[in-house]
Amino acid sequence: MDNSTINTATATASTPLIANLLETRLLNNERVTLSDIANAGNVSVIEARKTLVQVFGTRVQFKRGRTGGIHLTA
């Protein structure tokens, strides 16, 4: 197995974890950053972002800056 296969397997296995973590934090009105989600899912920031887009589609928004983070629209 090469690194890309291992990374893909890890990202696929952690998809439910990443999605559940995001939803839980948002329901508790906590600030959520992409790096927090990536660290919790033990994946790269790029893989976490791709996973969130796959799971939530156009509902997920990524905002940069001091007040940024991840937001879900209704």
C-alpha atoms as a PDB file:
ATOM      1  CA  MET A   1       0.000   0.000   0.000  1.00  0.00           C
ATOM      2  CA  ASP A   2       1.253   3.460  -0.833  1.00  0.00           C
ATOM      3  CA  ASN A   3       0.573   6.624   1.181  1.00  0.00           C
ATOM      4  CA  SER A   4      -2.354   7.777  -0.979  1.00  0.00           C
ATOM      5  CA  THR A   5      -4.139   4.454  -0.428  1.00  0.00           C
ATOM      6  CA  ILE A   6      -3.564   4.655   3.316  1.00  0.00           C
ATOM      7  CA  ASN A   7      -4.781   8.281   3.450  1.00  0.00           C
ATOM      8  CA  THR A   8      -7.904   7.438   1.441  1.00  0.00           C
ATOM      9  CA  ALA A   9      -8.678   4.475   3.695  1.00  0.00           C
ATOM     10  CA  THR A  10      -8.205   6.608   6.812  1.00  0.00           C
ATOM     11  CA  ALA A  11     -10.405   9.407   5.454  1.00  0.00           C
ATOM     12  CA  THR A  12     -13.143   6.956   4.456  1.00  0.00           C
ATOM     13  CA  ALA A  13     -13.070   5.243   7.844  1.00  0.00           C
ATOM     14  CA  SER A  14     -13.218   8.555   9.703  1.00  0.00           C
ATOM     15  CA  THR A  15     -16.087  10.072   7.641  1.00  0.00           C
ATOM     16  CA  PRO A  16     -18.806   9.306  10.228  1.00  0.00           C
ATOM     17  CA  LEU A  17     -16.550  10.532  13.035  1.00  0.00           C
ATOM     18  CA  ILE A  18     -15.846  13.819  11.262  1.00  0.00           C
ATOM     19  CA  ALA A  19     -19.512  14.425  10.396  1.00  0.00           C
ATOM     20  CA  ASN A  20     -20.734  13.555  13.900  1.00  0.00           C
ATOM     21  CA  LEU A  21     -18.117  15.724  15.562  1.00  0.00           C
ATOM     22  CA  LEU A  22     -19.065  18.702  13.407  1.00  0.00           C
ATOM     23  CA  GLU A  23     -22.788  18.293  14.089  1.00  0.00           C
ATOM     24  CA  THR A  24     -22.252  17.849  17.833  1.00  0.00           C
ATOM     25  CA  ARG A  25     -20.100  20.949  18.155  1.00  0.00           C
ATOM     26  CA  LEU A  26     -22.467  23.042  16.080  1.00  0.00           C
ATOM     27  CA  LEU A  27     -25.465  21.914  18.141  1.00  0.00           C
ATOM     28  CA  ASN A  28     -23.604  22.979  21.288  1.00  0.00           C
ATOM     29  CA  ASN A  29     -22.900  26.395  19.709  1.00  0.00           C
ATOM     30  CA  GLU A  30     -19.152  25.778  19.832  1.00  0.00           C
ATOM     31  CA  ARG A  31     -16.701  27.275  17.358  1.00  0.00           C
ATOM     32  CA  VAL A  32     -15.471  24.650  14.931  1.00  0.00           C
ATOM     33  CA  THR A  33     -12.314  24.962  12.869  1.00  0.00           C
ATOM     34  CA  LEU A  34     -11.152  22.746  10.078  1.00  0.00           C
ATOM     35  CA  SER A  35      -7.920  21.946  11.892  1.00  0.00           C
ATOM     36  CA  ASP A  36      -9.890  20.799  14.986  1.00  0.00           C
ATOM     37  CA  ILE A  37     -11.965  18.434  12.858  1.00  0.00           C
ATOM     38  CA  ALA A  38      -8.885  17.133  11.015  1.00  0.00           C
ATOM     39  CA  ASN A  39      -7.016  16.463  14.259  1.00  0.00           C
ATOM     40  CA  ALA A  40      -9.990  14.662  15.785  1.00  0.00           C
ATOM     41  CA  GLY A  41     -10.393  12.517  12.665  1.00  0.00           C
ATOM     42  CA  ASN A  42      -6.649  11.903  12.412  1.00  0.00           C
ATOM     43  CA  VAL A  43      -6.621  13.097   8.789  1.00  0.00           C
ATOM     44  CA  SER A  44      -5.114  16.035   6.936  1.00  0.00           C
ATOM     45  CA  VAL A  45      -6.993  19.323   6.723  1.00  0.00           C
ATOM     46  CA  ILE A  46      -7.457  18.769   2.994  1.00  0.00           C
ATOM     47  CA  GLU A  47      -9.015  15.334   3.539  1.00  0.00           C
ATOM     48  CA  ALA A  48     -11.287  16.687   6.288  1.00  0.00           C
ATOM     49  CA  ARG A  49     -12.497  19.460   3.992  1.00  0.00           C
ATOM     50  CA  LYS A  50     -13.175  17.005   1.150  1.00  0.00           C
ATOM     51  CA  THR A  51     -15.047  14.707   3.529  1.00  0.00           C
ATOM     52  CA  LEU A  52     -17.243  17.512   4.845  1.00  0.00           C
ATOM     53  CA  VAL A  53     -18.084  18.605   1.301  1.00  0.00           C
ATOM     54  CA  GLN A  54     -18.975  14.994   0.392  1.00  0.00           C
ATOM     55  CA  VAL A  55     -21.218  14.574   3.441  1.00  0.00           C
ATOM     56  CA  PHE A  56     -22.883  17.990   3.618  1.00  0.00           C
ATOM     57  CA  GLY A  57     -22.584  19.252   0.033  1.00  0.00           C
ATOM     58  CA  THR A  58     -23.516  22.896  -0.418  1.00  0.00           C
ATOM     59  CA  ARG A  59     -24.740  23.190   3.191  1.00  0.00           C
ATOM     60  CA  VAL A  60     -21.209  23.459   4.576  1.00  0.00           C
ATOM     61  CA  GLN A  61     -19.446  26.824   4.500  1.00  0.00           C
ATOM     62  CA  PHE A  62     -15.833  27.505   5.361  1.00  0.00           C
ATOM     63  CA  LYS A  63     -15.042  31.011   6.606  1.00  0.00           C
ATOM     64  CA  ARG A  64     -11.520  32.322   7.083  1.00  0.00           C
ATOM     65  CA  GLY A  65     -10.210  34.764   9.633  1.00  0.00           C
ATOM     66  CA  ARG A  66     -10.434  35.475  13.317  1.00  0.00           C
ATOM     67  CA  THR A  67     -14.166  34.798  13.498  1.00  0.00           C
ATOM     68  CA  GLY A  68     -14.078  32.060  10.873  1.00  0.00           C
ATOM     69  CA  GLY A  69     -14.759  28.386  11.130  1.00  0.00           C
ATOM     70  CA  ILE A  70     -17.171  25.869   9.678  1.00  0.00           C
ATOM     71  CA  HIS A  71     -20.871  26.653   9.381  1.00  0.00           C
ATOM     72  CA  LEU A  72     -23.850  24.625   8.154  1.00  0.00           C
ATOM     73  CA  THR A  73     -26.787  26.284   6.446  1.00  0.00           C
ATOM     74  CA  ALA A  74     -30.343  25.028   6.806  1.00  0.00           C
END
